[in-house]
Amino acid sequence: MKYVYDTFDTPFGDFSIVLDENGAVTANAFGGIATLKKWNPRLKAERHPAAFREARGQMLAYFEGSLREFTVRVAPEGTAFQRGVWSALRRIPYGKTRSYGEIAAAVDNPNASRAIGAACGANPICIIVPCHRVIGADGSMTGFAYGETLKRRLLEHEGVAV
């Protein structure tokens, strides 16, 4: 499969997106393509900014505060369980949070809080699949690949009191 990527500046730093040959987002990350390759060393992608008008436009609109729901197609690679968790994460509304336990209940596996955390940690498509909206049951800022500070900034950006 052929992948293309683009990296662009946002108010939260450089952001990279990878699209598959069908134009679906398969991965994204804060930082350049090197960050994405840390997550997936086998990733072979060519830079192709022209293919990214829709995905880049939606990401920039989110970072500017004018977009609350993404419509770009996504195609994250993962296990059936992970894809189910990521689907549940996409149902968390902008400006809201859910606990790991609430996500576990949403995927009909109420004892799977730790597995939910692992699936969030393996999420290849941050922001669009909003793992930053998942917090500890006590409201703590737990587990985000880009650190607690960025997680807080993203939640504050969405109007969540943290």
N, C-alpha and C. Protein backbone atom coordinates (compact mmCIF):
# COMPACT_ATOMS: atom_id res chain seq x y z
N MET A 1 0.84 -1.17 0.00
CA MET A 1 0.00 0.00 0.00
C MET A 1 0.89 1.25 0.00
N LYS A 2 0.49 2.23 -0.75
CA LYS A 2 1.25 3.47 -0.84
C LYS A 2 0.68 4.49 0.15
N TYR A 3 1.57 5.12 0.89
CA TYR A 3 1.17 6.14 1.85
C TYR A 3 1.81 7.46 1.47
N VAL A 4 1.10 8.56 1.75
CA VAL A 4 1.64 9.90 1.56
C VAL A 4 1.46 10.65 2.87
N TYR A 5 2.29 11.67 3.08
CA TYR A 5 2.19 12.42 4.32
C TYR A 5 2.41 13.90 4.05
N ASP A 6 2.00 14.68 5.04
CA ASP A 6 2.32 16.10 5.04
C ASP A 6 2.50 16.52 6.49
N THR A 7 3.34 17.51 6.69
CA THR A 7 3.58 18.09 8.00
C THR A 7 3.32 19.58 7.89
N PHE A 8 2.61 20.14 8.87
CA PHE A 8 2.28 21.56 8.85
C PHE A 8 2.28 22.10 10.27
N ASP A 9 2.36 23.41 10.36
CA ASP A 9 2.42 24.07 11.66
C ASP A 9 1.02 24.31 12.21
N THR A 10 0.87 24.14 13.53
CA THR A 10 -0.38 24.44 14.22
C THR A 10 -0.03 25.23 15.48
N PRO A 11 -1.03 25.80 16.14
CA PRO A 11 -0.74 26.48 17.41
C PRO A 11 -0.19 25.55 18.49
N PHE A 12 -0.27 24.24 18.27
CA PHE A 12 0.21 23.25 19.22
C PHE A 12 1.53 22.62 18.76
N GLY A 13 2.11 23.15 17.71
CA GLY A 13 3.37 22.63 17.17
C GLY A 13 3.17 21.93 15.84
N ASP A 14 4.26 21.44 15.28
CA ASP A 14 4.17 20.71 14.01
C ASP A 14 3.26 19.51 14.14
N PHE A 15 2.52 19.23 13.07
CA PHE A 15 1.58 18.12 13.07
C PHE A 15 1.72 17.41 11.74
N SER A 16 1.79 16.08 11.76
CA SER A 16 1.93 15.28 10.55
C SER A 16 0.74 14.35 10.40
N ILE A 17 0.34 14.15 9.14
CA ILE A 17 -0.77 13.26 8.81
C ILE A 17 -0.31 12.31 7.72
N VAL A 18 -0.71 11.04 7.83
CA VAL A 18 -0.44 10.04 6.80
C VAL A 18 -1.78 9.58 6.22
N LEU A 19 -1.85 9.57 4.88
CA LEU A 19 -3.04 9.07 4.18
C LEU A 19 -2.69 7.79 3.44
N ASP A 20 -3.67 6.89 3.34
CA ASP A 20 -3.46 5.70 2.52
C ASP A 20 -3.83 6.02 1.08
N GLU A 21 -3.72 5.03 0.21
CA GLU A 21 -3.97 5.26 -1.22
C GLU A 21 -5.41 5.63 -1.53
N ASN A 22 -6.32 5.41 -0.56
CA ASN A 22 -7.73 5.77 -0.73
C ASN A 22 -8.05 7.14 -0.13
N GLY A 23 -7.05 7.81 0.41
CA GLY A 23 -7.26 9.13 0.99
C GLY A 23 -7.74 9.13 2.42
N ALA A 24 -7.73 7.99 3.09
CA ALA A 24 -8.15 7.90 4.48
C ALA A 24 -6.95 8.15 5.39
N VAL A 25 -7.20 8.82 6.51
CA VAL A 25 -6.15 9.05 7.50
C VAL A 25 -5.83 7.73 8.18
N THR A 26 -4.56 7.33 8.13
CA THR A 26 -4.16 6.09 8.79
C THR A 26 -3.33 6.36 10.04
N ALA A 27 -2.74 7.55 10.12
CA ALA A 27 -1.95 7.91 11.29
C ALA A 27 -1.74 9.42 11.27
N ASN A 28 -1.49 9.96 12.44
CA ASN A 28 -1.08 11.35 12.56
C ASN A 28 -0.34 11.51 13.87
N ALA A 29 0.36 12.62 14.02
CA ALA A 29 1.15 12.81 15.24
C ALA A 29 1.61 14.24 15.33
N PHE A 30 1.79 14.67 16.56
CA PHE A 30 2.48 15.93 16.79
C PHE A 30 3.95 15.68 16.48
N GLY A 31 4.56 16.60 15.77
CA GLY A 31 5.95 16.42 15.35
C GLY A 31 6.00 16.05 13.88
N GLY A 32 7.15 15.83 13.37
CA GLY A 32 7.34 15.51 11.97
C GLY A 32 7.17 14.04 11.68
N ILE A 33 7.49 13.67 10.46
CA ILE A 33 7.36 12.29 10.03
C ILE A 33 8.24 11.36 10.88
N ALA A 34 9.32 11.90 11.43
CA ALA A 34 10.18 11.07 12.29
C ALA A 34 9.41 10.58 13.51
N THR A 35 8.50 11.39 14.03
CA THR A 35 7.68 10.97 15.17
C THR A 35 6.79 9.80 14.76
N LEU A 36 6.19 9.90 13.61
CA LEU A 36 5.34 8.81 13.13
C LEU A 36 6.15 7.54 12.90
N LYS A 37 7.35 7.69 12.41
CA LYS A 37 8.18 6.50 12.16
C LYS A 37 8.66 5.86 13.46
N LYS A 38 8.70 6.62 14.56
CA LYS A 38 9.00 6.01 15.86
C LYS A 38 7.88 5.05 16.24
N TRP A 39 6.65 5.43 15.93
CA TRP A 39 5.49 4.60 16.25
C TRP A 39 5.38 3.43 15.30
N ASN A 40 5.77 3.66 14.04
CA ASN A 40 5.67 2.61 13.04
C ASN A 40 6.92 2.65 12.17
N PRO A 41 7.98 1.97 12.60
CA PRO A 41 9.25 2.02 11.87
C PRO A 41 9.16 1.53 10.43
N ARG A 42 8.15 0.73 10.11
CA ARG A 42 8.00 0.20 8.75
C ARG A 42 7.33 1.21 7.81
N LEU A 43 6.87 2.32 8.35
CA LEU A 43 6.14 3.30 7.55
C LEU A 43 7.02 3.84 6.43
N LYS A 44 6.55 3.70 5.23
CA LYS A 44 7.23 4.26 4.06
C LYS A 44 6.22 5.21 3.41
N ALA A 45 6.48 6.49 3.53
CA ALA A 45 5.55 7.47 2.99
C ALA A 45 6.32 8.56 2.27
N GLU A 46 5.71 9.06 1.22
CA GLU A 46 6.28 10.17 0.46
C GLU A 46 5.52 11.44 0.82
N ARG A 47 6.22 12.55 0.82
CA ARG A 47 5.56 13.82 1.10
C ARG A 47 4.73 14.22 -0.11
N HIS A 48 3.49 14.59 0.14
CA HIS A 48 2.58 14.94 -0.95
C HIS A 48 1.55 15.94 -0.42
N PRO A 49 1.94 17.20 -0.21
CA PRO A 49 1.05 18.19 0.38
C PRO A 49 -0.28 18.37 -0.35
N ALA A 50 -0.32 18.23 -1.66
CA ALA A 50 -1.55 18.48 -2.42
C ALA A 50 -2.68 17.53 -2.05
N ALA A 51 -2.37 16.33 -1.61
CA ALA A 51 -3.40 15.34 -1.27
C ALA A 51 -4.09 15.64 0.06
N PHE A 52 -3.63 16.63 0.77
CA PHE A 52 -4.07 16.81 2.15
C PHE A 52 -5.02 17.97 2.39
N ARG A 53 -5.58 18.53 1.36
CA ARG A 53 -6.41 19.71 1.53
C ARG A 53 -7.50 19.50 2.59
N GLU A 54 -8.28 18.43 2.46
CA GLU A 54 -9.39 18.20 3.39
C GLU A 54 -8.90 17.90 4.80
N ALA A 55 -7.98 16.95 4.94
CA ALA A 55 -7.50 16.56 6.28
C ALA A 55 -6.80 17.73 6.97
N ARG A 56 -5.92 18.41 6.25
CA ARG A 56 -5.20 19.56 6.82
C ARG A 56 -6.19 20.66 7.19
N GLY A 57 -7.16 20.93 6.30
CA GLY A 57 -8.16 21.96 6.57
C GLY A 57 -8.96 21.67 7.82
N GLN A 58 -9.37 20.41 7.99
CA GLN A 58 -10.13 20.06 9.19
C GLN A 58 -9.27 20.15 10.45
N MET A 59 -8.02 19.69 10.36
CA MET A 59 -7.15 19.79 11.53
C MET A 59 -6.92 21.25 11.91
N LEU A 60 -6.62 22.10 10.93
CA LEU A 60 -6.39 23.51 11.23
C LEU A 60 -7.64 24.18 11.78
N ALA A 61 -8.81 23.82 11.26
CA ALA A 61 -10.06 24.37 11.78
C ALA A 61 -10.27 23.94 13.24
N TYR A 62 -9.92 22.69 13.55
CA TYR A 62 -10.00 22.24 14.95
C TYR A 62 -9.06 23.08 15.82
N PHE A 63 -7.81 23.21 15.39
CA PHE A 63 -6.84 23.95 16.20
C PHE A 63 -7.21 25.43 16.33
N GLU A 64 -7.92 25.96 15.33
CA GLU A 64 -8.37 27.36 15.40
C GLU A 64 -9.65 27.51 16.22
N GLY A 65 -10.29 26.40 16.56
CA GLY A 65 -11.49 26.43 17.39
C GLY A 65 -12.80 26.47 16.63
N SER A 66 -12.77 26.31 15.31
CA SER A 66 -14.01 26.40 14.54
C SER A 66 -14.57 25.04 14.10
N LEU A 67 -13.89 23.95 14.39
CA LEU A 67 -14.37 22.61 14.03
C LEU A 67 -14.48 21.77 15.28
N ARG A 68 -15.62 21.12 15.44
CA ARG A 68 -15.84 20.29 16.62
C ARG A 68 -16.03 18.82 16.29
N GLU A 69 -16.29 18.52 15.03
CA GLU A 69 -16.50 17.13 14.63
C GLU A 69 -15.83 16.89 13.28
N PHE A 70 -14.99 15.88 13.22
CA PHE A 70 -14.25 15.55 12.00
C PHE A 70 -15.09 14.68 11.08
N THR A 71 -14.96 14.92 9.79
CA THR A 71 -15.66 14.10 8.80
C THR A 71 -14.69 13.37 7.87
N VAL A 72 -13.38 13.59 8.03
CA VAL A 72 -12.42 12.88 7.19
C VAL A 72 -12.51 11.39 7.46
N ARG A 73 -12.27 10.62 6.42
CA ARG A 73 -12.26 9.17 6.59
C ARG A 73 -11.00 8.75 7.34
N VAL A 74 -11.15 7.76 8.19
CA VAL A 74 -10.00 7.22 8.92
C VAL A 74 -9.92 5.72 8.66
N ALA A 75 -8.70 5.20 8.71
CA ALA A 75 -8.47 3.77 8.53
C ALA A 75 -7.33 3.35 9.44
N PRO A 76 -7.54 3.42 10.77
CA PRO A 76 -6.46 3.03 11.67
C PRO A 76 -6.22 1.52 11.61
N GLU A 77 -4.96 1.16 11.70
CA GLU A 77 -4.61 -0.25 11.71
C GLU A 77 -4.47 -0.72 13.15
N GLY A 78 -5.19 -1.77 13.50
CA GLY A 78 -5.13 -2.31 14.85
C GLY A 78 -5.99 -3.56 14.95
N THR A 79 -6.03 -4.13 16.15
CA THR A 79 -6.85 -5.32 16.38
C THR A 79 -8.32 -4.94 16.39
N ALA A 80 -9.18 -5.92 16.34
CA ALA A 80 -10.62 -5.67 16.39
C ALA A 80 -10.98 -4.96 17.69
N PHE A 81 -10.38 -5.37 18.80
CA PHE A 81 -10.64 -4.71 20.08
C PHE A 81 -10.22 -3.24 20.02
N GLN A 82 -9.01 -2.98 19.53
CA GLN A 82 -8.53 -1.60 19.44
C GLN A 82 -9.45 -0.75 18.56
N ARG A 83 -9.83 -1.28 17.41
CA ARG A 83 -10.71 -0.52 16.52
C ARG A 83 -12.05 -0.23 17.18
N GLY A 84 -12.54 -1.17 18.00
CA GLY A 84 -13.79 -0.92 18.74
C GLY A 84 -13.63 0.19 19.76
N VAL A 85 -12.51 0.19 20.45
CA VAL A 85 -12.23 1.26 21.41
C VAL A 85 -12.11 2.59 20.69
N TRP A 86 -11.37 2.61 19.58
CA TRP A 86 -11.18 3.87 18.85
C TRP A 86 -12.50 4.39 18.32
N SER A 87 -13.39 3.49 17.93
CA SER A 87 -14.73 3.90 17.49
C SER A 87 -15.49 4.54 18.66
N ALA A 88 -15.38 3.95 19.84
CA ALA A 88 -16.03 4.52 21.03
C ALA A 88 -15.45 5.90 21.36
N LEU A 89 -14.15 6.05 21.19
CA LEU A 89 -13.53 7.35 21.46
C LEU A 89 -14.09 8.42 20.52
N ARG A 90 -14.36 8.07 19.29
CA ARG A 90 -14.89 9.04 18.33
C ARG A 90 -16.28 9.51 18.70
N ARG A 91 -16.95 8.79 19.59
CA ARG A 91 -18.29 9.20 20.04
C ARG A 91 -18.24 10.13 21.26
N ILE A 92 -17.05 10.38 21.80
CA ILE A 92 -16.94 11.34 22.90
C ILE A 92 -17.08 12.73 22.30
N PRO A 93 -18.08 13.50 22.72
CA PRO A 93 -18.29 14.82 22.12
C PRO A 93 -17.15 15.80 22.43
N TYR A 94 -16.96 16.72 21.53
CA TYR A 94 -16.03 17.83 21.72
C TYR A 94 -16.34 18.50 23.06
N GLY A 95 -15.32 18.77 23.83
CA GLY A 95 -15.50 19.47 25.10
C GLY A 95 -15.97 18.59 26.25
N LYS A 96 -16.00 17.29 26.05
CA LYS A 96 -16.41 16.35 27.09
C LYS A 96 -15.29 15.35 27.32
N THR A 97 -15.32 14.69 28.46
CA THR A 97 -14.35 13.64 28.76
C THR A 97 -15.09 12.39 29.20
N ARG A 98 -14.39 11.29 29.13
CA ARG A 98 -14.90 10.01 29.63
C ARG A 98 -13.75 9.33 30.37
N SER A 99 -14.11 8.51 31.33
CA SER A 99 -13.10 7.74 32.04
C SER A 99 -12.83 6.43 31.29
N TYR A 100 -11.72 5.80 31.63
CA TYR A 100 -11.40 4.51 31.03
C TYR A 100 -12.51 3.51 31.31
N GLY A 101 -13.07 3.54 32.51
CA GLY A 101 -14.18 2.65 32.87
C GLY A 101 -15.42 2.91 32.04
N GLU A 102 -15.70 4.18 31.75
CA GLU A 102 -16.87 4.49 30.92
C GLU A 102 -16.67 3.97 29.49
N ILE A 103 -15.46 4.08 28.98
CA ILE A 103 -15.19 3.53 27.65
C ILE A 103 -15.29 2.01 27.68
N ALA A 104 -14.79 1.38 28.75
CA ALA A 104 -14.91 -0.07 28.87
C ALA A 104 -16.37 -0.50 28.83
N ALA A 105 -17.22 0.22 29.54
CA ALA A 105 -18.66 -0.09 29.52
C ALA A 105 -19.24 0.14 28.12
N ALA A 106 -18.79 1.17 27.44
CA ALA A 106 -19.29 1.49 26.10
C ALA A 106 -18.95 0.40 25.08
N VAL A 107 -17.87 -0.33 25.31
CA VAL A 107 -17.51 -1.43 24.39
C VAL A 107 -17.93 -2.78 24.96
N ASP A 108 -18.86 -2.75 25.93
CA ASP A 108 -19.41 -3.96 26.53
C ASP A 108 -18.36 -4.86 27.15
N ASN A 109 -17.38 -4.25 27.80
CA ASN A 109 -16.33 -5.00 28.47
C ASN A 109 -15.96 -4.24 29.75
N PRO A 110 -16.88 -4.19 30.73
CA PRO A 110 -16.73 -3.30 31.88
C PRO A 110 -15.50 -3.53 32.76
N ASN A 111 -14.85 -4.68 32.62
CA ASN A 111 -13.66 -4.94 33.42
C ASN A 111 -12.36 -4.69 32.65
N ALA A 112 -12.45 -3.99 31.53
CA ALA A 112 -11.30 -3.85 30.64
C ALA A 112 -10.65 -2.47 30.70
N SER A 113 -10.73 -1.79 31.84
CA SER A 113 -10.17 -0.44 31.92
C SER A 113 -8.70 -0.39 31.52
N ARG A 114 -7.91 -1.35 31.97
CA ARG A 114 -6.49 -1.36 31.61
C ARG A 114 -6.30 -1.60 30.11
N ALA A 115 -7.09 -2.50 29.54
CA ALA A 115 -7.00 -2.76 28.11
C ALA A 115 -7.44 -1.52 27.31
N ILE A 116 -8.38 -0.78 27.86
CA ILE A 116 -8.80 0.48 27.21
C ILE A 116 -7.62 1.44 27.21
N GLY A 117 -6.92 1.52 28.32
CA GLY A 117 -5.73 2.38 28.40
C GLY A 117 -4.68 1.97 27.38
N ALA A 118 -4.48 0.67 27.21
CA ALA A 118 -3.50 0.20 26.23
C ALA A 118 -3.94 0.54 24.81
N ALA A 119 -5.24 0.39 24.53
CA ALA A 119 -5.75 0.74 23.20
C ALA A 119 -5.62 2.24 22.94
N CYS A 120 -5.86 3.05 23.97
CA CYS A 120 -5.66 4.50 23.82
C CYS A 120 -4.20 4.80 23.52
N GLY A 121 -3.31 4.13 24.20
CA GLY A 121 -1.88 4.33 23.99
C GLY A 121 -1.42 3.89 22.62
N ALA A 122 -2.15 2.97 22.00
CA ALA A 122 -1.79 2.49 20.66
C ALA A 122 -2.53 3.24 19.55
N ASN A 123 -3.35 4.21 19.91
CA ASN A 123 -4.14 4.96 18.94
C ASN A 123 -3.22 5.68 17.95
N PRO A 124 -3.30 5.34 16.66
CA PRO A 124 -2.42 5.99 15.69
C PRO A 124 -2.95 7.31 15.15
N ILE A 125 -4.17 7.68 15.54
CA ILE A 125 -4.80 8.88 14.96
C ILE A 125 -5.30 9.79 16.08
N CYS A 126 -4.38 10.55 16.68
CA CYS A 126 -4.79 11.43 17.77
C CYS A 126 -5.67 12.57 17.25
N ILE A 127 -6.36 13.22 18.14
CA ILE A 127 -7.27 14.32 17.91
C ILE A 127 -8.53 13.84 17.17
N ILE A 128 -8.40 13.31 15.94
CA ILE A 128 -9.57 12.81 15.21
C ILE A 128 -10.18 11.64 15.98
N VAL A 129 -9.36 10.77 16.48
CA VAL A 129 -9.76 9.72 17.42
C VAL A 129 -9.28 10.25 18.77
N PRO A 130 -10.17 10.91 19.51
CA PRO A 130 -9.76 11.78 20.63
C PRO A 130 -9.40 11.08 21.93
N CYS A 131 -8.27 10.39 21.94
CA CYS A 131 -7.82 9.73 23.15
C CYS A 131 -7.47 10.75 24.24
N HIS A 132 -7.24 12.00 23.87
CA HIS A 132 -6.96 13.03 24.87
C HIS A 132 -8.18 13.31 25.74
N ARG A 133 -9.35 12.89 25.33
CA ARG A 133 -10.59 13.11 26.10
C ARG A 133 -10.83 12.01 27.14
N VAL A 134 -9.93 11.04 27.23
CA VAL A 134 -10.08 9.96 28.21
C VAL A 134 -9.20 10.29 29.41
N ILE A 135 -9.83 10.30 30.59
CA ILE A 135 -9.15 10.67 31.83
C ILE A 135 -9.39 9.60 32.88
N GLY A 136 -8.68 9.71 33.98
CA GLY A 136 -8.89 8.78 35.09
C GLY A 136 -10.25 9.00 35.73
N ALA A 137 -10.77 7.99 36.40
CA ALA A 137 -12.08 8.08 37.06
C ALA A 137 -12.11 9.21 38.08
N ASP A 138 -10.94 9.54 38.63
CA ASP A 138 -10.86 10.62 39.62
C ASP A 138 -10.60 11.98 38.97
N GLY A 139 -10.65 12.04 37.63
CA GLY A 139 -10.42 13.29 36.92
C GLY A 139 -8.96 13.56 36.61
N SER A 140 -8.08 12.62 36.93
CA SER A 140 -6.65 12.84 36.70
C SER A 140 -6.31 12.75 35.22
N MET A 141 -5.28 13.47 34.85
CA MET A 141 -4.78 13.48 33.46
C MET A 141 -3.84 12.29 33.29
N THR A 142 -4.39 11.17 32.93
CA THR A 142 -3.57 9.97 32.80
C THR A 142 -3.28 9.68 31.34
N GLY A 143 -2.17 9.08 31.08
CA GLY A 143 -1.79 8.51 29.81
C GLY A 143 -2.13 9.27 28.54
N PHE A 144 -1.18 10.01 28.02
CA PHE A 144 -1.31 10.62 26.69
C PHE A 144 0.08 10.58 26.08
N ALA A 145 0.18 10.08 24.87
CA ALA A 145 1.48 9.87 24.24
C ALA A 145 2.33 11.13 24.17
N TYR A 146 1.70 12.29 24.14
CA TYR A 146 2.44 13.55 23.99
C TYR A 146 2.57 14.29 25.31
N GLY A 147 2.21 13.64 26.40
CA GLY A 147 2.41 14.21 27.73
C GLY A 147 1.20 14.92 28.30
N GLU A 148 1.23 15.04 29.61
CA GLU A 148 0.12 15.64 30.35
C GLU A 148 -0.09 17.11 30.00
N THR A 149 0.98 17.85 29.76
CA THR A 149 0.85 19.28 29.46
C THR A 149 0.05 19.48 28.18
N LEU A 150 0.38 18.75 27.13
CA LEU A 150 -0.35 18.90 25.88
C LEU A 150 -1.78 18.40 26.02
N LYS A 151 -1.98 17.33 26.77
CA LYS A 151 -3.34 16.83 26.99
C LYS A 151 -4.18 17.91 27.66
N ARG A 152 -3.65 18.56 28.68
CA ARG A 152 -4.36 19.65 29.36
C ARG A 152 -4.67 20.79 28.39
N ARG A 153 -3.67 21.17 27.59
CA ARG A 153 -3.87 22.26 26.62
C ARG A 153 -4.98 21.92 25.63
N LEU A 154 -5.01 20.69 25.15
CA LEU A 154 -6.05 20.28 24.21
C LEU A 154 -7.43 20.31 24.87
N LEU A 155 -7.52 19.80 26.08
CA LEU A 155 -8.81 19.82 26.78
C LEU A 155 -9.24 21.26 27.09
N GLU A 156 -8.32 22.10 27.51
CA GLU A 156 -8.65 23.52 27.73
C GLU A 156 -9.10 24.17 26.44
N HIS A 157 -8.44 23.84 25.34
CA HIS A 157 -8.81 24.35 24.02
C HIS A 157 -10.27 24.02 23.71
N GLU A 158 -10.72 22.84 24.17
CA GLU A 158 -12.10 22.41 23.94
C GLU A 158 -13.06 22.92 25.01
N GLY A 159 -12.54 23.68 25.98
CA GLY A 159 -13.41 24.25 27.00
C GLY A 159 -13.62 23.38 28.22
N VAL A 160 -12.82 22.34 28.37
CA VAL A 160 -12.95 21.45 29.53
C VAL A 160 -12.18 22.08 30.68
N ALA A 161 -12.83 22.18 31.83
CA ALA A 161 -12.15 22.69 33.03
C ALA A 161 -11.27 21.57 33.59
N VAL A 162 -9.96 21.81 33.57
CA VAL A 162 -9.03 20.77 34.06
C VAL A 162 -8.30 21.25 35.28
